[in-house]
N, C-alpha and C. Protein backbone atom coordinates (compact mmCIF):
# COMPACT_ATOMS: atom_id res chain seq x y z
N UNK A 1 -17.98 -38.81 -88.53
CA UNK A 1 -18.23 -37.39 -88.60
C UNK A 1 -19.60 -37.08 -88.03
N UNK A 2 -19.64 -36.14 -87.15
CA UNK A 2 -20.90 -35.81 -86.48
C UNK A 2 -21.92 -35.23 -87.45
N UNK A 3 -21.50 -34.56 -88.52
CA UNK A 3 -22.46 -33.94 -89.43
C UNK A 3 -23.27 -34.97 -90.21
N UNK A 4 -22.90 -36.24 -90.15
CA UNK A 4 -23.66 -37.28 -90.82
C UNK A 4 -24.86 -37.72 -90.00
N UNK A 5 -24.90 -37.37 -88.73
CA UNK A 5 -25.96 -37.83 -87.85
C UNK A 5 -26.92 -36.70 -87.54
N UNK A 6 -28.18 -36.98 -87.77
CA UNK A 6 -29.23 -36.00 -87.53
C UNK A 6 -30.29 -36.63 -86.65
N UNK A 7 -30.77 -35.86 -85.68
CA UNK A 7 -31.85 -36.33 -84.83
C UNK A 7 -33.13 -36.32 -85.65
N UNK A 8 -33.80 -37.45 -85.69
CA UNK A 8 -35.03 -37.57 -86.46
C UNK A 8 -36.24 -37.63 -85.53
N UNK A 9 -36.12 -38.41 -84.46
CA UNK A 9 -37.21 -38.51 -83.49
C UNK A 9 -36.63 -38.10 -82.13
N UNK A 10 -37.04 -36.95 -81.62
CA UNK A 10 -36.49 -36.46 -80.35
C UNK A 10 -36.84 -37.36 -79.17
N UNK A 11 -35.97 -37.33 -78.17
CA UNK A 11 -36.22 -38.09 -76.93
C UNK A 11 -37.46 -37.53 -76.24
N UNK A 12 -38.19 -38.42 -75.60
CA UNK A 12 -39.36 -38.06 -74.78
C UNK A 12 -40.45 -37.31 -75.53
N UNK A 13 -40.54 -37.53 -76.84
CA UNK A 13 -41.60 -36.89 -77.64
C UNK A 13 -42.87 -37.72 -77.53
N UNK A 14 -44.01 -37.07 -77.58
CA UNK A 14 -45.29 -37.78 -77.53
C UNK A 14 -45.48 -38.56 -78.84
N UNK A 15 -45.83 -39.82 -78.70
CA UNK A 15 -46.07 -40.68 -79.87
C UNK A 15 -47.55 -40.76 -80.17
N UNK A 16 -47.95 -40.92 -81.41
CA UNK A 16 -47.10 -41.09 -82.59
C UNK A 16 -46.43 -39.78 -83.00
N UNK A 17 -45.27 -39.94 -83.68
CA UNK A 17 -44.49 -38.79 -84.15
C UNK A 17 -43.92 -39.14 -85.51
N UNK A 18 -43.96 -38.18 -86.43
CA UNK A 18 -43.47 -38.41 -87.79
C UNK A 18 -42.53 -37.29 -88.18
N UNK A 19 -41.44 -37.66 -88.86
CA UNK A 19 -40.48 -36.68 -89.34
C UNK A 19 -39.81 -37.24 -90.59
N UNK A 20 -39.40 -36.36 -91.49
CA UNK A 20 -38.74 -36.77 -92.73
C UNK A 20 -37.33 -36.23 -92.79
N UNK A 21 -36.52 -36.91 -93.56
CA UNK A 21 -35.14 -36.49 -93.78
C UNK A 21 -34.77 -36.79 -95.21
N UNK A 22 -34.05 -35.88 -95.84
CA UNK A 22 -33.57 -36.08 -97.21
C UNK A 22 -32.17 -36.68 -97.19
N UNK A 23 -31.95 -37.66 -98.06
CA UNK A 23 -30.66 -38.31 -98.22
C UNK A 23 -30.20 -38.14 -99.66
N UNK A 24 -28.91 -38.16 -99.85
CA UNK A 24 -28.36 -38.07 -101.20
C UNK A 24 -27.63 -39.36 -101.53
N UNK A 25 -27.34 -39.53 -102.80
CA UNK A 25 -26.62 -40.70 -103.26
C UNK A 25 -25.12 -40.48 -103.12
N UNK A 26 -24.36 -41.55 -102.98
CA UNK A 26 -22.90 -41.43 -102.91
C UNK A 26 -22.26 -41.58 -104.28
N UNK A 27 -23.04 -42.09 -105.27
CA UNK A 27 -22.51 -42.27 -106.62
C UNK A 27 -23.66 -42.39 -107.62
N UNK A 28 -23.36 -42.16 -108.89
CA UNK A 28 -24.35 -42.35 -109.96
C UNK A 28 -24.72 -43.84 -110.04
N UNK A 29 -25.94 -44.12 -110.45
CA UNK A 29 -26.45 -45.48 -110.65
C UNK A 29 -26.43 -46.34 -109.39
N UNK A 30 -26.51 -45.70 -108.24
CA UNK A 30 -26.53 -46.43 -106.97
C UNK A 30 -27.80 -47.28 -106.92
N UNK A 31 -27.67 -48.52 -106.51
CA UNK A 31 -28.80 -49.47 -106.51
C UNK A 31 -29.53 -49.53 -105.18
N UNK A 32 -28.83 -49.19 -104.08
CA UNK A 32 -29.45 -49.31 -102.77
C UNK A 32 -28.88 -48.24 -101.84
N UNK A 33 -29.75 -47.76 -100.97
CA UNK A 33 -29.35 -46.82 -99.93
C UNK A 33 -29.49 -47.53 -98.59
N UNK A 34 -28.42 -47.55 -97.80
CA UNK A 34 -28.44 -48.17 -96.48
C UNK A 34 -28.40 -47.07 -95.43
N UNK A 35 -29.32 -47.14 -94.48
CA UNK A 35 -29.39 -46.13 -93.42
C UNK A 35 -29.32 -46.84 -92.08
N UNK A 36 -28.30 -46.52 -91.30
CA UNK A 36 -28.19 -47.07 -89.95
C UNK A 36 -28.95 -46.14 -89.00
N UNK A 37 -29.80 -46.73 -88.16
CA UNK A 37 -30.59 -45.96 -87.19
C UNK A 37 -30.08 -46.28 -85.78
N UNK A 38 -29.74 -45.22 -85.07
CA UNK A 38 -29.21 -45.34 -83.72
C UNK A 38 -30.17 -44.74 -82.71
N UNK A 39 -30.11 -45.29 -81.52
CA UNK A 39 -30.82 -44.74 -80.37
C UNK A 39 -29.77 -44.10 -79.48
N UNK A 40 -30.06 -42.91 -79.01
CA UNK A 40 -29.12 -42.17 -78.17
C UNK A 40 -29.69 -42.00 -76.78
N UNK A 41 -28.96 -42.45 -75.77
CA UNK A 41 -29.37 -42.35 -74.37
C UNK A 41 -28.90 -41.00 -73.83
N UNK A 42 -29.70 -39.98 -74.11
CA UNK A 42 -29.34 -38.60 -73.74
C UNK A 42 -29.31 -38.40 -72.23
N UNK A 43 -30.12 -39.14 -71.49
CA UNK A 43 -30.18 -38.96 -70.04
C UNK A 43 -28.92 -39.44 -69.33
N UNK A 44 -28.37 -40.58 -69.73
CA UNK A 44 -27.21 -41.15 -69.06
C UNK A 44 -25.87 -40.76 -69.70
N UNK A 45 -25.90 -40.32 -70.96
CA UNK A 45 -24.67 -39.96 -71.68
C UNK A 45 -24.86 -38.64 -72.42
N UNK A 46 -25.09 -37.56 -71.70
CA UNK A 46 -25.41 -36.29 -72.38
C UNK A 46 -24.28 -35.72 -73.21
N UNK A 47 -23.04 -36.12 -72.97
CA UNK A 47 -21.93 -35.55 -73.71
C UNK A 47 -21.49 -36.35 -74.92
N UNK A 48 -22.09 -37.51 -75.14
CA UNK A 48 -21.68 -38.36 -76.26
C UNK A 48 -22.08 -37.71 -77.58
N UNK A 49 -21.15 -37.74 -78.55
CA UNK A 49 -21.46 -37.15 -79.85
C UNK A 49 -21.15 -38.08 -81.02
N UNK A 50 -20.49 -39.20 -80.76
CA UNK A 50 -20.14 -40.13 -81.83
C UNK A 50 -20.74 -41.50 -81.53
N UNK A 51 -21.10 -42.23 -82.57
CA UNK A 51 -21.76 -43.52 -82.38
C UNK A 51 -20.84 -44.58 -81.78
N UNK A 52 -19.53 -44.36 -81.78
CA UNK A 52 -18.64 -45.33 -81.16
C UNK A 52 -18.43 -45.05 -79.67
N UNK A 53 -19.12 -44.06 -79.13
CA UNK A 53 -19.05 -43.75 -77.70
C UNK A 53 -20.22 -44.41 -76.97
N UNK A 54 -20.06 -44.60 -75.66
CA UNK A 54 -21.17 -45.11 -74.86
C UNK A 54 -22.34 -44.15 -74.97
N UNK A 55 -23.53 -44.71 -75.04
CA UNK A 55 -24.74 -43.90 -75.15
C UNK A 55 -25.45 -44.08 -76.47
N UNK A 56 -24.75 -44.59 -77.47
CA UNK A 56 -25.36 -44.85 -78.78
C UNK A 56 -25.54 -46.35 -78.96
N UNK A 57 -26.67 -46.73 -79.49
CA UNK A 57 -26.95 -48.15 -79.75
C UNK A 57 -27.59 -48.27 -81.13
N UNK A 58 -26.99 -49.10 -81.99
CA UNK A 58 -27.57 -49.37 -83.30
C UNK A 58 -28.85 -50.16 -83.10
N UNK A 59 -29.97 -49.61 -83.57
CA UNK A 59 -31.24 -50.32 -83.38
C UNK A 59 -31.74 -51.00 -84.64
N UNK A 60 -31.31 -50.52 -85.81
CA UNK A 60 -31.73 -51.17 -87.05
C UNK A 60 -30.98 -50.55 -88.23
N UNK A 61 -30.92 -51.30 -89.32
CA UNK A 61 -30.41 -50.79 -90.58
C UNK A 61 -31.52 -50.92 -91.60
N UNK A 62 -31.73 -49.86 -92.35
CA UNK A 62 -32.80 -49.82 -93.35
C UNK A 62 -32.14 -49.89 -94.73
N UNK A 63 -32.67 -50.79 -95.57
CA UNK A 63 -32.18 -50.94 -96.93
C UNK A 63 -33.28 -50.46 -97.87
N UNK A 64 -32.95 -49.53 -98.77
CA UNK A 64 -33.92 -49.00 -99.72
C UNK A 64 -33.44 -49.33 -101.12
N UNK A 65 -34.21 -50.15 -101.84
CA UNK A 65 -33.89 -50.47 -103.23
C UNK A 65 -34.27 -49.29 -104.10
N UNK A 66 -33.35 -48.86 -104.96
CA UNK A 66 -33.54 -47.66 -105.77
C UNK A 66 -33.79 -48.00 -107.23
N UNK A 67 -34.50 -47.12 -107.94
CA UNK A 67 -34.68 -47.31 -109.38
C UNK A 67 -33.33 -47.17 -110.10
N UNK A 68 -33.29 -47.62 -111.33
CA UNK A 68 -32.05 -47.56 -112.10
C UNK A 68 -31.79 -46.16 -112.65
N UNK A 69 -30.53 -45.92 -113.00
CA UNK A 69 -30.09 -44.72 -113.72
C UNK A 69 -30.27 -43.41 -112.96
N UNK A 70 -30.15 -43.44 -111.64
CA UNK A 70 -30.21 -42.20 -110.87
C UNK A 70 -28.85 -41.53 -110.88
N UNK A 71 -28.85 -40.22 -110.97
CA UNK A 71 -27.62 -39.44 -110.96
C UNK A 71 -27.42 -38.83 -109.58
N UNK A 72 -26.21 -38.94 -109.06
CA UNK A 72 -25.89 -38.42 -107.74
C UNK A 72 -26.26 -36.95 -107.60
N UNK A 73 -25.95 -36.16 -108.61
CA UNK A 73 -26.16 -34.72 -108.53
C UNK A 73 -27.62 -34.30 -108.68
N UNK A 74 -28.47 -35.19 -109.16
CA UNK A 74 -29.86 -34.83 -109.45
C UNK A 74 -30.90 -35.55 -108.58
N UNK A 75 -30.48 -36.27 -107.56
CA UNK A 75 -31.40 -37.15 -106.85
C UNK A 75 -31.46 -36.85 -105.36
N UNK A 76 -32.68 -36.82 -104.83
CA UNK A 76 -32.92 -36.67 -103.40
C UNK A 76 -33.84 -37.82 -102.98
N UNK A 77 -33.46 -38.54 -101.94
CA UNK A 77 -34.28 -39.62 -101.40
C UNK A 77 -34.91 -39.09 -100.11
N UNK A 78 -36.23 -38.94 -100.10
CA UNK A 78 -36.93 -38.46 -98.91
C UNK A 78 -37.44 -39.68 -98.14
N UNK A 79 -36.96 -39.82 -96.91
CA UNK A 79 -37.38 -40.94 -96.06
C UNK A 79 -38.18 -40.37 -94.90
N UNK A 80 -39.38 -40.91 -94.71
CA UNK A 80 -40.25 -40.50 -93.62
C UNK A 80 -40.25 -41.60 -92.56
N UNK A 81 -39.95 -41.20 -91.33
CA UNK A 81 -39.89 -42.09 -90.19
C UNK A 81 -41.10 -41.79 -89.31
N UNK A 82 -41.87 -42.82 -88.97
CA UNK A 82 -43.01 -42.62 -88.08
C UNK A 82 -42.89 -43.57 -86.90
N UNK A 83 -42.72 -42.99 -85.71
CA UNK A 83 -42.69 -43.76 -84.47
C UNK A 83 -44.11 -43.88 -83.98
N UNK A 84 -44.57 -45.11 -83.84
CA UNK A 84 -45.95 -45.36 -83.44
C UNK A 84 -46.10 -45.43 -81.92
N UNK A 85 -47.32 -45.38 -81.46
CA UNK A 85 -47.64 -45.42 -80.04
C UNK A 85 -47.02 -46.64 -79.36
N UNK A 86 -46.98 -47.77 -80.07
CA UNK A 86 -46.44 -49.01 -79.49
C UNK A 86 -44.91 -49.11 -79.59
N UNK A 87 -44.26 -48.06 -80.10
CA UNK A 87 -42.81 -48.05 -80.21
C UNK A 87 -42.28 -48.59 -81.53
N UNK A 88 -43.15 -49.12 -82.39
CA UNK A 88 -42.71 -49.62 -83.68
C UNK A 88 -42.41 -48.45 -84.61
N UNK A 89 -41.66 -48.73 -85.67
CA UNK A 89 -41.25 -47.70 -86.61
C UNK A 89 -41.74 -48.05 -88.00
N UNK A 90 -42.51 -47.13 -88.61
CA UNK A 90 -42.95 -47.26 -90.00
C UNK A 90 -42.09 -46.34 -90.84
N UNK A 91 -41.80 -46.78 -92.07
CA UNK A 91 -40.93 -46.02 -92.96
C UNK A 91 -41.56 -45.88 -94.33
N UNK A 92 -41.27 -44.76 -94.99
CA UNK A 92 -41.70 -44.55 -96.37
C UNK A 92 -40.58 -43.79 -97.08
N UNK A 93 -40.29 -44.17 -98.33
CA UNK A 93 -39.24 -43.48 -99.08
C UNK A 93 -39.76 -43.11 -100.46
N UNK A 94 -39.34 -41.92 -100.91
CA UNK A 94 -39.70 -41.42 -102.24
C UNK A 94 -38.45 -40.82 -102.88
N UNK A 95 -38.41 -40.85 -104.22
CA UNK A 95 -37.27 -40.31 -104.96
C UNK A 95 -37.70 -39.06 -105.71
N UNK A 96 -36.93 -37.98 -105.56
CA UNK A 96 -37.19 -36.71 -106.22
C UNK A 96 -35.94 -36.26 -106.95
N UNK A 97 -36.14 -35.42 -107.98
CA UNK A 97 -34.98 -34.76 -108.57
C UNK A 97 -34.66 -33.54 -107.71
N UNK A 98 -33.56 -32.86 -108.00
CA UNK A 98 -33.16 -31.75 -107.13
C UNK A 98 -34.04 -30.50 -107.27
N UNK A 99 -35.05 -30.55 -108.15
CA UNK A 99 -36.02 -29.46 -108.26
C UNK A 99 -37.33 -29.78 -107.52
N UNK A 100 -37.40 -30.97 -106.91
CA UNK A 100 -38.58 -31.36 -106.15
C UNK A 100 -39.61 -32.16 -106.92
N UNK A 101 -39.31 -32.53 -108.17
CA UNK A 101 -40.23 -33.36 -108.96
C UNK A 101 -40.04 -34.82 -108.61
N UNK A 102 -41.15 -35.51 -108.39
CA UNK A 102 -41.06 -36.93 -108.02
C UNK A 102 -40.58 -37.73 -109.23
N UNK A 103 -39.55 -38.54 -109.02
CA UNK A 103 -38.99 -39.39 -110.07
C UNK A 103 -39.71 -40.73 -110.10
N UNK A 104 -40.01 -41.27 -108.95
CA UNK A 104 -40.64 -42.59 -108.87
C UNK A 104 -41.96 -42.45 -108.16
N UNK A 105 -43.03 -42.84 -108.83
CA UNK A 105 -44.34 -42.84 -108.19
C UNK A 105 -44.45 -44.05 -107.28
N UNK A 106 -45.16 -43.88 -106.19
CA UNK A 106 -45.34 -44.98 -105.24
C UNK A 106 -44.13 -45.10 -104.33
N UNK A 107 -44.27 -45.92 -103.34
CA UNK A 107 -43.20 -46.11 -102.38
C UNK A 107 -42.13 -47.04 -102.93
N UNK A 108 -40.92 -46.88 -102.46
CA UNK A 108 -39.82 -47.76 -102.81
C UNK A 108 -39.85 -48.98 -101.90
N UNK A 109 -39.19 -50.04 -102.33
CA UNK A 109 -39.10 -51.24 -101.49
C UNK A 109 -38.11 -50.99 -100.37
N UNK A 110 -38.60 -51.12 -99.14
CA UNK A 110 -37.78 -50.92 -97.94
C UNK A 110 -37.71 -52.23 -97.18
N UNK A 111 -36.55 -52.50 -96.63
CA UNK A 111 -36.39 -53.67 -95.77
C UNK A 111 -35.63 -53.21 -94.53
N UNK A 112 -36.10 -53.64 -93.36
CA UNK A 112 -35.37 -53.40 -92.13
C UNK A 112 -34.58 -54.67 -91.82
N UNK A 113 -33.34 -54.52 -91.42
CA UNK A 113 -32.52 -55.67 -91.09
C UNK A 113 -33.19 -56.54 -90.03
N UNK A 114 -33.88 -55.91 -89.09
CA UNK A 114 -34.56 -56.66 -88.03
C UNK A 114 -35.66 -57.56 -88.58
N UNK A 115 -36.20 -57.21 -89.74
CA UNK A 115 -37.22 -58.07 -90.36
C UNK A 115 -36.61 -59.30 -91.03
N UNK A 116 -35.31 -59.25 -91.29
CA UNK A 116 -34.65 -60.35 -91.99
C UNK A 116 -34.15 -61.42 -91.03
N UNK A 117 -34.12 -61.12 -89.75
CA UNK A 117 -33.59 -62.06 -88.76
C UNK A 117 -34.65 -63.07 -88.35
């Protein structure tokens, strides 16, 4: 579904660049949030809209370990993506309730699949 994919870092943007996106849980007491990050070749495949079409390339999967006892209806995971001058990607995640109050102080444990290889 195309509505699941949101542009976070625009093509040809001046680096460094930072942007955040809110994610929700798929179930109560979810232990981990997995986020697949794709690169889209807008210049050579301007009409592609789905990740199974030419023009999309999976560049990494991010795993975020979550605190216990989170409720799907009350939880927002804010993930900040920062593309650095050298092309590397820094990430930060925070947990909020649906009123904007921080549930977990400090950053959550994040792992990039590329770091595990």
